[in-house]
N, C-alpha and C. Protein backbone atom coordinates (compact mmCIF):
# COMPACT_ATOMS: atom_id res chain seq x y z
N MET A 1 96.49 157.81 50.04
CA MET A 1 95.68 156.88 50.81
C MET A 1 95.08 157.64 52.00
N HIS A 2 93.80 157.48 52.17
CA HIS A 2 93.10 158.13 53.27
C HIS A 2 92.90 157.14 54.41
N TYR A 3 93.26 157.60 55.61
CA TYR A 3 93.11 156.76 56.79
C TYR A 3 92.98 157.65 58.00
N SER A 4 92.51 157.05 59.09
CA SER A 4 92.41 157.74 60.37
C SER A 4 93.17 156.93 61.41
N LEU A 5 93.85 157.62 62.31
CA LEU A 5 94.49 156.94 63.43
C LEU A 5 93.47 156.86 64.56
N ILE A 6 93.35 155.67 65.11
CA ILE A 6 92.35 155.41 66.16
C ILE A 6 92.98 154.56 67.26
N ASP A 7 92.32 154.50 68.41
CA ASP A 7 92.71 153.57 69.47
C ASP A 7 91.98 152.26 69.22
N CYS A 8 92.72 151.19 69.14
CA CYS A 8 92.13 149.88 68.86
C CYS A 8 91.49 149.29 70.12
N SER A 9 90.48 148.47 69.89
CA SER A 9 89.83 147.74 70.98
C SER A 9 89.80 146.25 70.62
N PHE A 10 89.71 145.44 71.66
CA PHE A 10 89.61 144.00 71.44
C PHE A 10 88.40 143.68 70.56
N GLU A 11 87.27 144.27 70.90
CA GLU A 11 86.02 143.94 70.21
C GLU A 11 86.08 144.27 68.71
N ARG A 12 86.62 145.40 68.37
CA ARG A 12 86.63 145.83 66.97
C ARG A 12 87.83 145.35 66.18
N HIS A 13 88.98 145.13 66.85
CA HIS A 13 90.21 144.98 66.08
C HIS A 13 91.01 143.70 66.32
N ALA A 14 90.63 142.90 67.29
CA ALA A 14 91.44 141.71 67.61
C ALA A 14 91.63 140.80 66.40
N GLU A 15 90.58 140.56 65.67
CA GLU A 15 90.69 139.65 64.52
C GLU A 15 91.62 140.20 63.45
N ALA A 16 91.51 141.49 63.14
CA ALA A 16 92.36 142.10 62.12
C ALA A 16 93.82 142.15 62.58
N ILE A 17 94.04 142.46 63.86
CA ILE A 17 95.42 142.47 64.38
C ILE A 17 96.00 141.06 64.31
N LEU A 18 95.21 140.07 64.69
CA LEU A 18 95.67 138.69 64.62
C LEU A 18 96.04 138.30 63.18
N ASP A 19 95.24 138.71 62.22
CA ASP A 19 95.54 138.41 60.81
C ASP A 19 96.87 139.03 60.39
N ILE A 20 97.12 140.28 60.82
CA ILE A 20 98.38 140.96 60.47
C ILE A 20 99.55 140.25 61.16
N PHE A 21 99.39 139.94 62.44
CA PHE A 21 100.44 139.18 63.15
C PHE A 21 100.74 137.88 62.43
N ASN A 22 99.70 137.10 62.13
CA ASN A 22 99.91 135.77 61.58
C ASN A 22 100.51 135.80 60.18
N GLU A 23 100.15 136.78 59.38
CA GLU A 23 100.78 136.93 58.06
C GLU A 23 102.27 137.18 58.24
N ALA A 24 102.63 138.04 59.20
CA ALA A 24 104.04 138.34 59.45
C ALA A 24 104.78 137.11 59.98
N ILE A 25 104.14 136.32 60.82
CA ILE A 25 104.77 135.12 61.36
C ILE A 25 105.06 134.13 60.24
N VAL A 26 104.10 133.91 59.37
CA VAL A 26 104.22 132.89 58.33
C VAL A 26 105.17 133.31 57.20
N HIS A 27 105.18 134.61 56.88
CA HIS A 27 105.89 135.04 55.66
C HIS A 27 107.10 135.94 55.89
N SER A 28 107.44 136.27 57.13
CA SER A 28 108.55 137.21 57.33
C SER A 28 109.32 136.90 58.60
N THR A 29 110.36 137.66 58.81
CA THR A 29 111.12 137.57 60.06
C THR A 29 110.83 138.78 60.95
N ALA A 30 109.71 139.45 60.71
CA ALA A 30 109.30 140.57 61.57
C ALA A 30 108.97 140.07 62.97
N LEU A 31 108.49 138.85 63.07
CA LEU A 31 108.23 138.19 64.35
C LEU A 31 109.02 136.88 64.36
N TYR A 32 109.68 136.61 65.44
CA TYR A 32 110.47 135.38 65.53
C TYR A 32 109.63 134.24 66.09
N ASP A 33 108.37 134.18 65.71
CA ASP A 33 107.49 133.05 66.03
C ASP A 33 107.52 132.09 64.85
N TYR A 34 107.17 130.83 65.11
CA TYR A 34 107.08 129.84 64.05
C TYR A 34 105.65 129.57 63.61
N ARG A 35 104.73 129.54 64.57
CA ARG A 35 103.36 129.13 64.27
C ARG A 35 102.40 130.31 64.44
N PRO A 36 101.39 130.39 63.58
CA PRO A 36 100.38 131.44 63.77
C PRO A 36 99.77 131.36 65.16
N ARG A 37 99.42 132.52 65.66
CA ARG A 37 98.82 132.60 67.00
C ARG A 37 97.34 132.24 66.93
N PRO A 38 96.83 131.59 67.96
CA PRO A 38 95.39 131.28 67.97
C PRO A 38 94.57 132.51 68.35
N ALA A 39 93.31 132.49 67.98
CA ALA A 39 92.43 133.63 68.25
C ALA A 39 92.37 133.96 69.74
N GLN A 40 92.38 132.94 70.60
CA GLN A 40 92.25 133.20 72.03
C GLN A 40 93.46 133.95 72.60
N SER A 41 94.58 134.00 71.89
CA SER A 41 95.75 134.72 72.39
C SER A 41 95.53 136.23 72.42
N MET A 42 94.59 136.71 71.64
CA MET A 42 94.37 138.15 71.55
C MET A 42 93.77 138.73 72.83
N ARG A 43 92.98 137.97 73.54
CA ARG A 43 92.39 138.47 74.79
C ARG A 43 93.52 138.80 75.78
N ALA A 44 94.44 137.89 75.97
CA ALA A 44 95.56 138.14 76.88
C ALA A 44 96.43 139.28 76.38
N TRP A 45 96.64 139.39 75.07
CA TRP A 45 97.45 140.46 74.50
C TRP A 45 96.83 141.81 74.83
N PHE A 46 95.53 141.95 74.57
CA PHE A 46 94.85 143.21 74.88
C PHE A 46 94.80 143.47 76.38
N ASP A 47 94.58 142.43 77.18
CA ASP A 47 94.55 142.61 78.64
C ASP A 47 95.89 143.12 79.16
N THR A 48 96.99 142.61 78.62
CA THR A 48 98.32 143.08 79.01
C THR A 48 98.51 144.55 78.64
N LYS A 49 98.07 144.92 77.46
CA LYS A 49 98.18 146.32 77.02
C LYS A 49 97.37 147.23 77.95
N ARG A 50 96.17 146.83 78.26
CA ARG A 50 95.30 147.64 79.13
C ARG A 50 95.89 147.75 80.54
N ALA A 51 96.37 146.65 81.08
CA ALA A 51 96.91 146.64 82.45
C ALA A 51 98.13 147.55 82.56
N GLY A 52 98.92 147.65 81.51
CA GLY A 52 100.11 148.51 81.53
C GLY A 52 99.86 149.91 81.04
N ALA A 53 98.62 150.23 80.69
CA ALA A 53 98.27 151.53 80.08
C ALA A 53 99.09 151.76 78.81
N PHE A 54 99.30 150.69 78.05
CA PHE A 54 100.05 150.77 76.80
C PHE A 54 99.07 150.97 75.64
N PRO A 55 99.34 151.93 74.76
CA PRO A 55 98.43 152.18 73.65
C PRO A 55 98.48 151.09 72.59
N VAL A 56 97.36 150.91 71.92
CA VAL A 56 97.29 150.11 70.69
C VAL A 56 96.63 151.05 69.68
N ILE A 57 97.44 151.57 68.79
CA ILE A 57 96.99 152.56 67.82
C ILE A 57 96.80 151.87 66.48
N GLY A 58 95.70 152.16 65.82
CA GLY A 58 95.44 151.58 64.52
C GLY A 58 95.29 152.64 63.46
N ALA A 59 95.47 152.23 62.23
CA ALA A 59 95.17 153.07 61.06
C ALA A 59 94.03 152.37 60.33
N GLU A 60 92.90 153.07 60.23
CA GLU A 60 91.72 152.52 59.56
C GLU A 60 91.41 153.31 58.30
N ASP A 61 90.91 152.60 57.29
CA ASP A 61 90.45 153.30 56.09
C ASP A 61 89.02 153.79 56.31
N ALA A 62 88.44 154.43 55.31
CA ALA A 62 87.11 155.03 55.44
C ALA A 62 86.03 153.99 55.72
N GLN A 63 86.27 152.74 55.36
CA GLN A 63 85.31 151.67 55.61
C GLN A 63 85.53 151.00 56.97
N GLY A 64 86.48 151.48 57.74
CA GLY A 64 86.73 150.92 59.06
C GLY A 64 87.63 149.70 59.06
N ARG A 65 88.29 149.42 57.94
CA ARG A 65 89.22 148.28 57.87
C ARG A 65 90.56 148.69 58.47
N LEU A 66 91.14 147.81 59.29
CA LEU A 66 92.42 148.08 59.91
C LEU A 66 93.53 147.83 58.90
N LEU A 67 94.33 148.87 58.65
CA LEU A 67 95.42 148.80 57.67
C LEU A 67 96.76 148.50 58.34
N GLY A 68 96.85 148.82 59.62
CA GLY A 68 98.07 148.59 60.37
C GLY A 68 97.85 148.99 61.82
N PHE A 69 98.80 148.64 62.67
CA PHE A 69 98.68 148.99 64.08
C PHE A 69 100.08 149.11 64.69
N ALA A 70 100.13 149.75 65.84
CA ALA A 70 101.39 149.92 66.56
C ALA A 70 101.09 149.93 68.05
N SER A 71 102.07 149.48 68.82
CA SER A 71 101.91 149.46 70.26
C SER A 71 103.28 149.43 70.91
N TYR A 72 103.28 149.57 72.21
CA TYR A 72 104.49 149.30 72.97
C TYR A 72 104.12 148.61 74.26
N GLY A 73 105.16 148.06 74.89
CA GLY A 73 104.98 147.35 76.15
C GLY A 73 106.25 147.46 76.95
N SER A 74 106.29 146.76 78.05
CA SER A 74 107.46 146.79 78.92
C SER A 74 108.70 146.36 78.14
N PHE A 75 109.79 147.07 78.38
CA PHE A 75 111.07 146.67 77.78
C PHE A 75 111.66 145.50 78.54
N ARG A 76 111.75 145.62 79.84
CA ARG A 76 112.18 144.55 80.72
C ARG A 76 111.37 144.66 81.99
N ALA A 77 111.30 143.59 82.75
CA ALA A 77 110.35 143.50 83.86
C ALA A 77 110.78 144.17 85.15
N TRP A 78 112.02 144.62 85.26
CA TRP A 78 112.49 145.19 86.52
C TRP A 78 112.10 146.66 86.64
N PRO A 79 111.86 147.13 87.87
CA PRO A 79 111.33 148.47 88.10
C PRO A 79 112.17 149.62 87.52
N ALA A 80 113.46 149.49 87.49
CA ALA A 80 114.29 150.59 87.00
C ALA A 80 114.12 150.84 85.51
N TYR A 81 113.47 149.93 84.80
CA TYR A 81 113.20 150.11 83.37
C TYR A 81 111.86 150.81 83.12
N LYS A 82 111.25 151.37 84.16
CA LYS A 82 109.88 151.90 84.06
C LYS A 82 109.73 153.03 83.04
N TYR A 83 110.82 153.68 82.65
CA TYR A 83 110.74 154.76 81.67
C TYR A 83 111.09 154.29 80.25
N SER A 84 111.25 152.99 80.07
CA SER A 84 111.63 152.42 78.77
C SER A 84 110.55 151.47 78.27
N VAL A 85 110.31 151.50 76.98
CA VAL A 85 109.34 150.59 76.36
C VAL A 85 109.93 150.00 75.08
N GLU A 86 109.44 148.84 74.73
CA GLU A 86 109.76 148.23 73.44
C GLU A 86 108.51 148.31 72.58
N HIS A 87 108.68 148.84 71.39
CA HIS A 87 107.52 149.08 70.52
C HIS A 87 107.54 148.16 69.30
N SER A 88 106.39 148.11 68.65
CA SER A 88 106.28 147.38 67.39
C SER A 88 105.26 148.07 66.51
N VAL A 89 105.50 147.97 65.21
CA VAL A 89 104.63 148.56 64.20
C VAL A 89 104.43 147.50 63.12
N TYR A 90 103.18 147.25 62.78
CA TYR A 90 102.87 146.28 61.73
C TYR A 90 101.86 146.89 60.77
N VAL A 91 102.13 146.75 59.48
CA VAL A 91 101.23 147.23 58.45
C VAL A 91 100.81 146.04 57.61
N HIS A 92 99.51 145.97 57.31
CA HIS A 92 98.97 144.89 56.47
C HIS A 92 99.76 144.82 55.17
N LYS A 93 100.02 143.62 54.71
CA LYS A 93 100.88 143.42 53.53
C LYS A 93 100.40 144.19 52.31
N ASP A 94 99.11 144.43 52.17
CA ASP A 94 98.58 145.13 51.00
C ASP A 94 98.67 146.65 51.11
N HIS A 95 99.14 147.15 52.25
CA HIS A 95 99.14 148.60 52.47
C HIS A 95 100.50 149.16 52.86
N ARG A 96 101.54 148.39 52.64
CA ARG A 96 102.89 148.86 52.96
C ARG A 96 103.37 149.85 51.89
N GLY A 97 104.27 150.73 52.30
CA GLY A 97 104.86 151.68 51.35
C GLY A 97 104.05 152.94 51.12
N HIS A 98 103.05 153.20 51.97
CA HIS A 98 102.21 154.39 51.82
C HIS A 98 102.32 155.35 52.99
N GLY A 99 103.32 155.15 53.85
CA GLY A 99 103.52 156.06 54.97
C GLY A 99 102.76 155.70 56.23
N LEU A 100 102.05 154.59 56.23
CA LEU A 100 101.29 154.20 57.42
C LEU A 100 102.20 153.88 58.60
N GLY A 101 103.29 153.18 58.35
CA GLY A 101 104.22 152.84 59.42
C GLY A 101 104.78 154.09 60.09
N ALA A 102 105.13 155.08 59.28
CA ALA A 102 105.67 156.33 59.83
C ALA A 102 104.61 157.05 60.65
N ALA A 103 103.38 157.11 60.15
CA ALA A 103 102.30 157.79 60.89
C ALA A 103 102.04 157.09 62.22
N LEU A 104 102.01 155.77 62.21
CA LEU A 104 101.78 155.02 63.44
C LEU A 104 102.92 155.21 64.43
N LEU A 105 104.16 155.17 63.94
CA LEU A 105 105.30 155.32 64.84
C LEU A 105 105.37 156.74 65.40
N ARG A 106 105.06 157.74 64.59
CA ARG A 106 105.03 159.12 65.10
C ARG A 106 104.02 159.27 66.23
N GLU A 107 102.85 158.66 66.06
CA GLU A 107 101.82 158.72 67.10
C GLU A 107 102.29 157.98 68.36
N LEU A 108 102.96 156.85 68.19
CA LEU A 108 103.49 156.13 69.35
C LEU A 108 104.50 157.00 70.11
N ILE A 109 105.33 157.70 69.39
CA ILE A 109 106.32 158.58 70.02
C ILE A 109 105.61 159.65 70.84
N GLU A 110 104.56 160.23 70.27
CA GLU A 110 103.81 161.26 71.01
C GLU A 110 103.15 160.67 72.25
N ARG A 111 102.61 159.47 72.14
CA ARG A 111 101.99 158.83 73.30
C ARG A 111 103.03 158.54 74.38
N ALA A 112 104.22 158.11 73.96
CA ALA A 112 105.28 157.83 74.93
C ALA A 112 105.68 159.12 75.67
N ARG A 113 105.78 160.22 74.96
CA ARG A 113 106.08 161.50 75.61
C ARG A 113 104.98 161.87 76.60
N ALA A 114 103.74 161.69 76.18
CA ALA A 114 102.61 162.04 77.04
C ALA A 114 102.59 161.18 78.31
N GLN A 115 103.14 159.97 78.23
CA GLN A 115 103.20 159.09 79.39
C GLN A 115 104.50 159.25 80.16
N ASP A 116 105.27 160.28 79.85
CA ASP A 116 106.54 160.57 80.54
C ASP A 116 107.55 159.43 80.43
N LEU A 117 107.57 158.77 79.30
CA LEU A 117 108.58 157.74 79.06
C LEU A 117 109.85 158.39 78.54
N HIS A 118 110.94 157.65 78.56
CA HIS A 118 112.22 158.23 78.15
C HIS A 118 112.87 157.51 76.97
N ALA A 119 112.77 156.18 76.92
CA ALA A 119 113.45 155.43 75.86
C ALA A 119 112.47 154.51 75.15
N MET A 120 112.48 154.61 73.82
CA MET A 120 111.71 153.69 72.99
C MET A 120 112.71 152.80 72.26
N ILE A 121 112.49 151.50 72.33
CA ILE A 121 113.42 150.54 71.77
C ILE A 121 112.68 149.65 70.79
N GLY A 122 113.25 149.51 69.61
CA GLY A 122 112.71 148.60 68.61
C GLY A 122 113.71 147.48 68.36
N GLY A 123 113.27 146.25 68.51
CA GLY A 123 114.08 145.09 68.14
C GLY A 123 113.68 144.69 66.74
N ILE A 124 114.59 144.83 65.78
CA ILE A 124 114.28 144.66 64.36
C ILE A 124 115.21 143.61 63.76
N ASP A 125 114.65 142.71 62.98
CA ASP A 125 115.51 141.78 62.26
C ASP A 125 116.48 142.60 61.42
N ALA A 126 117.77 142.30 61.53
CA ALA A 126 118.80 143.13 60.90
C ALA A 126 118.69 143.17 59.37
N ALA A 127 117.96 142.24 58.78
CA ALA A 127 117.77 142.25 57.33
C ALA A 127 116.53 143.04 56.90
N ASN A 128 115.78 143.58 57.84
CA ASN A 128 114.54 144.30 57.54
C ASN A 128 114.86 145.77 57.21
N ALA A 129 115.32 145.98 55.98
CA ALA A 129 115.79 147.31 55.55
C ALA A 129 114.69 148.35 55.64
N GLY A 130 113.45 148.00 55.35
CA GLY A 130 112.35 148.96 55.39
C GLY A 130 112.10 149.47 56.79
N SER A 131 112.05 148.59 57.75
CA SER A 131 111.82 149.00 59.14
C SER A 131 113.00 149.80 59.68
N ILE A 132 114.20 149.39 59.34
CA ILE A 132 115.38 150.13 59.78
C ILE A 132 115.36 151.54 59.20
N ALA A 133 115.06 151.68 57.92
CA ALA A 133 115.00 153.00 57.29
C ALA A 133 113.94 153.87 57.97
N LEU A 134 112.78 153.30 58.28
CA LEU A 134 111.72 154.05 58.96
C LEU A 134 112.22 154.56 60.31
N HIS A 135 112.85 153.72 61.07
CA HIS A 135 113.34 154.12 62.39
C HIS A 135 114.40 155.22 62.29
N LEU A 136 115.32 155.08 61.36
CA LEU A 136 116.35 156.10 61.18
C LEU A 136 115.72 157.43 60.75
N GLN A 137 114.74 157.37 59.88
CA GLN A 137 114.04 158.58 59.41
C GLN A 137 113.40 159.34 60.56
N LEU A 138 112.94 158.62 61.59
CA LEU A 138 112.25 159.25 62.71
C LEU A 138 113.18 159.51 63.90
N GLY A 139 114.48 159.42 63.69
CA GLY A 139 115.42 159.83 64.71
C GLY A 139 115.96 158.73 65.61
N PHE A 140 115.57 157.50 65.38
CA PHE A 140 116.13 156.40 66.16
C PHE A 140 117.58 156.18 65.73
N ARG A 141 118.37 155.62 66.64
CA ARG A 141 119.74 155.30 66.28
C ARG A 141 120.03 153.84 66.63
N HIS A 142 120.90 153.25 65.84
CA HIS A 142 121.30 151.87 66.06
C HIS A 142 122.16 151.81 67.32
N VAL A 143 121.76 150.96 68.28
CA VAL A 143 122.50 150.87 69.54
C VAL A 143 123.11 149.49 69.77
N GLY A 144 122.91 148.58 68.84
CA GLY A 144 123.55 147.27 68.98
C GLY A 144 122.85 146.20 68.18
N THR A 145 123.59 145.16 67.88
CA THR A 145 123.05 144.00 67.17
C THR A 145 123.50 142.74 67.88
N LEU A 146 122.55 141.85 68.09
CA LEU A 146 122.85 140.54 68.65
C LEU A 146 122.90 139.54 67.49
N PRO A 147 124.10 139.08 67.13
CA PRO A 147 124.21 138.18 65.99
C PRO A 147 123.64 136.80 66.28
N GLU A 148 122.96 136.25 65.29
CA GLU A 148 122.51 134.85 65.29
C GLU A 148 121.76 134.44 66.55
N VAL A 149 120.84 135.29 67.02
CA VAL A 149 120.05 134.94 68.20
C VAL A 149 118.73 134.29 67.84
N GLY A 150 118.34 134.37 66.58
CA GLY A 150 117.12 133.72 66.12
C GLY A 150 117.43 132.75 65.00
N PHE A 151 116.56 131.77 64.82
CA PHE A 151 116.70 130.82 63.71
C PHE A 151 115.32 130.60 63.12
N LYS A 152 115.17 130.97 61.87
CA LYS A 152 113.87 130.84 61.19
C LYS A 152 114.13 130.73 59.69
N PHE A 153 113.27 130.00 59.02
CA PHE A 153 113.39 129.80 57.58
C PHE A 153 114.75 129.20 57.20
N GLY A 154 115.30 128.36 58.09
CA GLY A 154 116.54 127.66 57.80
C GLY A 154 117.79 128.50 57.90
N ARG A 155 117.71 129.66 58.53
CA ARG A 155 118.91 130.49 58.63
C ARG A 155 118.95 131.23 59.97
N TRP A 156 120.15 131.65 60.36
CA TRP A 156 120.34 132.43 61.57
C TRP A 156 119.92 133.86 61.32
N LEU A 157 119.33 134.47 62.36
CA LEU A 157 118.84 135.84 62.26
C LEU A 157 119.55 136.71 63.29
N ASP A 158 119.93 137.90 62.85
CA ASP A 158 120.53 138.89 63.73
C ASP A 158 119.46 139.87 64.16
N LEU A 159 119.46 140.21 65.44
CA LEU A 159 118.48 141.14 65.99
C LEU A 159 119.15 142.47 66.27
N ALA A 160 118.70 143.52 65.57
CA ALA A 160 119.26 144.86 65.73
C ALA A 160 118.34 145.69 66.62
N PHE A 161 118.94 146.49 67.48
CA PHE A 161 118.18 147.36 68.37
C PHE A 161 118.35 148.81 67.95
N TYR A 162 117.22 149.50 67.86
CA TYR A 162 117.18 150.93 67.54
C TYR A 162 116.48 151.64 68.68
N GLU A 163 117.04 152.78 69.10
CA GLU A 163 116.52 153.48 70.27
C GLU A 163 116.30 154.95 69.95
N LEU A 164 115.22 155.47 70.51
CA LEU A 164 114.95 156.90 70.48
C LEU A 164 114.85 157.36 71.93
N LEU A 165 115.70 158.32 72.31
CA LEU A 165 115.63 158.90 73.64
C LEU A 165 114.75 160.14 73.58
N LEU A 166 113.76 160.19 74.46
CA LEU A 166 112.83 161.31 74.52
C LEU A 166 113.28 162.30 75.58
N ASP A 167 112.74 163.51 75.52
CA ASP A 167 113.09 164.54 76.48
C ASP A 167 112.24 164.47 77.75
N THR A 168 111.54 163.38 77.93
CA THR A 168 110.70 163.16 79.10
C THR A 168 111.28 162.02 79.92
N PRO A 169 110.96 161.92 81.18
CA PRO A 169 110.19 162.83 82.01
C PRO A 169 111.05 164.01 82.49
N ASP A 170 110.39 165.04 82.95
CA ASP A 170 111.11 166.22 83.46
C ASP A 170 111.90 165.90 84.73
N GLN A 171 111.29 165.10 85.60
CA GLN A 171 111.93 164.77 86.88
C GLN A 171 111.79 163.28 87.16
N PRO A 172 112.66 162.46 86.55
CA PRO A 172 112.59 161.02 86.82
C PRO A 172 112.88 160.73 88.29
N ARG A 173 112.28 159.65 88.76
CA ARG A 173 112.44 159.28 90.17
C ARG A 173 112.76 157.79 90.30
N ASP A 174 113.56 157.50 91.33
CA ASP A 174 113.78 156.11 91.70
C ASP A 174 112.50 155.57 92.34
N GLY A 175 112.42 154.25 92.41
CA GLY A 175 111.30 153.65 93.15
C GLY A 175 110.02 153.61 92.42
């Protein structure tokens, strides 16, 4: 499969990202939402990414169609977490299993290093074997599971956390 990694923009990619989000909401436990997100939610989503200097990386085919995307954002809101981010990777349902998730996550890792971040954290539904395998393949380690914290599709969901510690920043600072 031929694709290019690009930086996504609201103008070019909001609709495709929303479609990928909403498919995951309706058909999977990748997102613990119940209802598809409205189109207007994407403006605030992109504004938050821009305000935090958080990347939104996409994989596009030769025709410019978005096949998947990845991003990260604040892990927690307090200042001492400034070197930690929580990331997410989503691949369109028709393009899974071709290495796109790995390519997107590798690029996210490089971006996190370039931004002098230290910890990348993925919150993954504990039954999502594909995502867990991807994270383990790229060096993440399981750091804990919160049992039965979500409820969707008539069952309790366990949330597993996977973390990758980076060798950055060289000189972390308080404040």
